[in-house]
């Protein structure tokens, strides 16, 4: 699926040249807790994988939906990325801004440290 991507170590997508939908990826660490009793017990780290698909306003949602389907299915409700486990995805959208619309996929995750 050839699409533009935008993430922490790669420069932003040039919105003046981008025509097709593109993906913005980030990981948000939100919380943590001690898993057991004592000083040397593991910690549980919790957060959200954020996949935001952006497309040009008025271009329809078919291409954006294809990007959403491609990425969220392998990431949601899985323990395939040991030690990370993910929950069911949540979805959100935002109003149009500068001619672009967004659909966000929010995938909660957790893992225990050793």
C-alpha atoms as a PDB file:
ATOM      1  CA  UNK A   1       0.000   0.000   0.000  1.00  0.00           C
ATOM      2  CA  UNK A   2       2.099   2.964  -1.197  1.00  0.00           C
ATOM      3  CA  UNK A   3       1.184   5.961   0.952  1.00  0.00           C
ATOM      4  CA  UNK A   4       2.964   8.883   2.503  1.00  0.00           C
ATOM      5  CA  UNK A   5       3.850   8.527   6.168  1.00  0.00           C
ATOM      6  CA  UNK A   6       4.700  10.976   8.890  1.00  0.00           C
ATOM      7  CA  UNK A   7       6.294   9.932  12.163  1.00  0.00           C
ATOM      8  CA  UNK A   8       8.806  11.068  14.748  1.00  0.00           C
ATOM      9  CA  UNK A   9      12.039  10.493  12.800  1.00  0.00           C
ATOM     10  CA  UNK A  10      10.775  11.500   9.359  1.00  0.00           C
ATOM     11  CA  UNK A  11       9.965  15.012   8.227  1.00  0.00           C
ATOM     12  CA  UNK A  12       6.342  16.075   7.829  1.00  0.00           C
ATOM     13  CA  UNK A  13       4.408  15.358   4.648  1.00  0.00           C
ATOM     14  CA  UNK A  14       4.351  18.386   2.331  1.00  0.00           C
ATOM     15  CA  UNK A  15       0.633  19.207   2.221  1.00  0.00           C
ATOM     16  CA  UNK A  16       1.075  21.435  -0.830  1.00  0.00           C
ATOM     17  CA  UNK A  17       2.279  18.465  -2.916  1.00  0.00           C
ATOM     18  CA  UNK A  18       0.502  15.491  -1.295  1.00  0.00           C
ATOM     19  CA  UNK A  19      -2.544  14.317  -3.243  1.00  0.00           C
ATOM     20  CA  UNK A  20      -3.342  10.883  -1.801  1.00  0.00           C
ATOM     21  CA  UNK A  21      -4.275  10.054   1.806  1.00  0.00           C
ATOM     22  CA  UNK A  22      -1.331   9.664   4.164  1.00  0.00           C
ATOM     23  CA  UNK A  23      -0.706   8.181   7.586  1.00  0.00           C
ATOM     24  CA  UNK A  24       0.534   9.956  10.716  1.00  0.00           C
ATOM     25  CA  UNK A  25       1.864   7.555  13.362  1.00  0.00           C
ATOM     26  CA  UNK A  26       2.641   8.228  17.012  1.00  0.00           C
ATOM     27  CA  UNK A  27       2.830   6.421  20.335  1.00  0.00           C
ATOM     28  CA  UNK A  28       1.502   8.201  23.408  1.00  0.00           C
ATOM     29  CA  UNK A  29       2.615   6.840  26.787  1.00  0.00           C
ATOM     30  CA  UNK A  30      -0.145   7.593  29.271  1.00  0.00           C
ATOM     31  CA  UNK A  31       0.243   5.727  32.515  1.00  0.00           C
ATOM     32  CA  UNK A  32       2.078   3.115  34.486  1.00  0.00           C
ATOM     33  CA  UNK A  33       1.625   1.069  37.605  1.00  0.00           C
ATOM     34  CA  UNK A  34       3.509  -1.321  39.819  1.00  0.00           C
ATOM     35  CA  UNK A  35       2.441  -4.895  38.995  1.00  0.00           C
ATOM     36  CA  UNK A  36       3.384  -6.614  42.262  1.00  0.00           C
ATOM     37  CA  UNK A  37       4.442  -6.002  45.826  1.00  0.00           C
ATOM     38  CA  UNK A  38       8.005  -5.136  46.765  1.00  0.00           C
ATOM     39  CA  UNK A  39      10.777  -2.996  45.377  1.00  0.00           C
ATOM     40  CA  UNK A  40      11.949  -5.137  42.456  1.00  0.00           C
ATOM     41  CA  UNK A  41       8.578  -5.927  40.861  1.00  0.00           C
ATOM     42  CA  UNK A  42       7.812  -5.218  37.212  1.00  0.00           C
ATOM     43  CA  UNK A  43       5.942  -2.131  36.093  1.00  0.00           C
ATOM     44  CA  UNK A  44       3.038  -2.046  33.665  1.00  0.00           C
ATOM     45  CA  UNK A  45       3.348   0.625  30.987  1.00  0.00           C
ATOM     46  CA  UNK A  46       0.153   1.775  29.244  1.00  0.00           C
ATOM     47  CA  UNK A  47      -0.444   3.997  26.273  1.00  0.00           C
ATOM     48  CA  UNK A  48      -2.102   4.454  22.919  1.00  0.00           C
ATOM     49  CA  UNK A  49      -0.926   3.842  19.372  1.00  0.00           C
ATOM     50  CA  UNK A  50      -2.325   6.700  17.300  1.00  0.00           C
ATOM     51  CA  UNK A  51      -2.757   6.205  13.564  1.00  0.00           C
ATOM     52  CA  UNK A  52      -4.243   9.259  11.882  1.00  0.00           C
ATOM     53  CA  UNK A  53      -5.195   8.951   8.225  1.00  0.00           C
ATOM     54  CA  UNK A  54      -5.463  12.300   6.494  1.00  0.00           C
ATOM     55  CA  UNK A  55      -7.066  12.937   3.118  1.00  0.00           C
ATOM     56  CA  UNK A  56      -8.000  15.894   0.980  1.00  0.00           C
ATOM     57  CA  UNK A  57     -11.421  17.321   1.716  1.00  0.00           C
ATOM     58  CA  UNK A  58     -13.951  16.378  -0.968  1.00  0.00           C
ATOM     59  CA  UNK A  59     -11.936  13.410  -2.304  1.00  0.00           C
ATOM     60  CA  UNK A  60     -14.191  10.830  -0.645  1.00  0.00           C
ATOM     61  CA  UNK A  61     -13.384   8.294   2.010  1.00  0.00           C
ATOM     62  CA  UNK A  62     -12.756   5.117  -0.019  1.00  0.00           C
ATOM     63  CA  UNK A  63      -8.962   5.547  -0.118  1.00  0.00           C
ATOM     64  CA  UNK A  64      -8.865   6.681   3.512  1.00  0.00           C
ATOM     65  CA  UNK A  65     -10.921   3.669   4.598  1.00  0.00           C
ATOM     66  CA  UNK A  66      -8.512   1.354   2.750  1.00  0.00           C
ATOM     67  CA  UNK A  67      -5.605   2.795   4.748  1.00  0.00           C
ATOM     68  CA  UNK A  68      -7.570   2.433   7.998  1.00  0.00           C
ATOM     69  CA  UNK A  69      -8.417  -1.216   7.237  1.00  0.00           C
ATOM     70  CA  UNK A  70      -4.849  -2.040   6.240  1.00  0.00           C
ATOM     71  CA  UNK A  71      -3.265  -0.765   9.447  1.00  0.00           C
ATOM     72  CA  UNK A  72      -5.733  -1.208  12.284  1.00  0.00           C
ATOM     73  CA  UNK A  73      -6.605  -4.891  11.815  1.00  0.00           C
ATOM     74  CA  UNK A  74      -3.105  -6.295  12.460  1.00  0.00           C
ATOM     75  CA  UNK A  75      -2.517  -3.935  15.413  1.00  0.00           C
ATOM     76  CA  UNK A  76      -5.780  -4.153  17.395  1.00  0.00           C
ATOM     77  CA  UNK A  77      -6.664  -6.912  19.897  1.00  0.00           C
ATOM     78  CA  UNK A  78      -3.400  -8.791  19.614  1.00  0.00           C
ATOM     79  CA  UNK A  79      -0.475 -10.144  21.586  1.00  0.00           C
ATOM     80  CA  UNK A  80       1.639 -10.747  18.455  1.00  0.00           C
ATOM     81  CA  UNK A  81       4.119  -7.998  19.382  1.00  0.00           C
ATOM     82  CA  UNK A  82       5.528  -9.608  22.507  1.00  0.00           C
ATOM     83  CA  UNK A  83       5.617  -8.141  25.148  1.00  0.00           C
ATOM     84  CA  UNK A  84       3.075  -5.548  23.917  1.00  0.00           C
ATOM     85  CA  UNK A  85      -0.626  -6.401  24.049  1.00  0.00           C
ATOM     86  CA  UNK A  86      -3.284  -4.264  22.432  1.00  0.00           C
ATOM     87  CA  UNK A  87      -6.986  -3.778  23.005  1.00  0.00           C
ATOM     88  CA  UNK A  88      -9.817  -3.098  20.550  1.00  0.00           C
ATOM     89  CA  UNK A  89      -9.390   0.033  18.448  1.00  0.00           C
ATOM     90  CA  UNK A  90     -11.388   3.196  18.936  1.00  0.00           C
ATOM     91  CA  UNK A  91     -12.072   5.614  16.116  1.00  0.00           C
ATOM     92  CA  UNK A  92     -12.348   9.373  15.942  1.00  0.00           C
ATOM     93  CA  UNK A  93     -12.547  12.042  13.289  1.00  0.00           C
ATOM     94  CA  UNK A  94     -11.878  15.748  13.297  1.00  0.00           C
ATOM     95  CA  UNK A  95     -13.309  18.685  11.382  1.00  0.00           C
ATOM     96  CA  UNK A  96     -11.691  19.766   8.146  1.00  0.00           C
ATOM     97  CA  UNK A  97      -8.612  21.935   8.557  1.00  0.00           C
ATOM     98  CA  UNK A  98      -6.807  23.670   5.686  1.00  0.00           C
ATOM     99  CA  UNK A  99      -8.528  21.413   3.156  1.00  0.00           C
ATOM    100  CA  UNK A 100      -7.677  18.135   4.931  1.00  0.00           C
ATOM    101  CA  UNK A 101      -9.874  15.761   6.946  1.00  0.00           C
ATOM    102  CA  UNK A 102      -8.661  13.172   9.466  1.00  0.00           C
ATOM    103  CA  UNK A 103      -9.750   9.773  10.716  1.00  0.00           C
ATOM    104  CA  UNK A 104      -7.867   8.606  13.795  1.00  0.00           C
ATOM    105  CA  UNK A 105      -7.445   5.044  14.992  1.00  0.00           C
ATOM    106  CA  UNK A 106      -6.652   4.861  18.712  1.00  0.00           C
ATOM    107  CA  UNK A 107      -5.290   1.494  19.854  1.00  0.00           C
ATOM    108  CA  UNK A 108      -4.708   1.168  23.606  1.00  0.00           C
ATOM    109  CA  UNK A 109      -1.730  -1.002  24.584  1.00  0.00           C
ATOM    110  CA  UNK A 110       0.114  -2.251  27.646  1.00  0.00           C
ATOM    111  CA  UNK A 111       3.234  -4.225  28.486  1.00  0.00           C
ATOM    112  CA  UNK A 112       5.043  -5.311  31.619  1.00  0.00           C
ATOM    113  CA  UNK A 113       8.697  -4.501  32.181  1.00  0.00           C
ATOM    114  CA  UNK A 114      11.026  -7.180  33.477  1.00  0.00           C
END
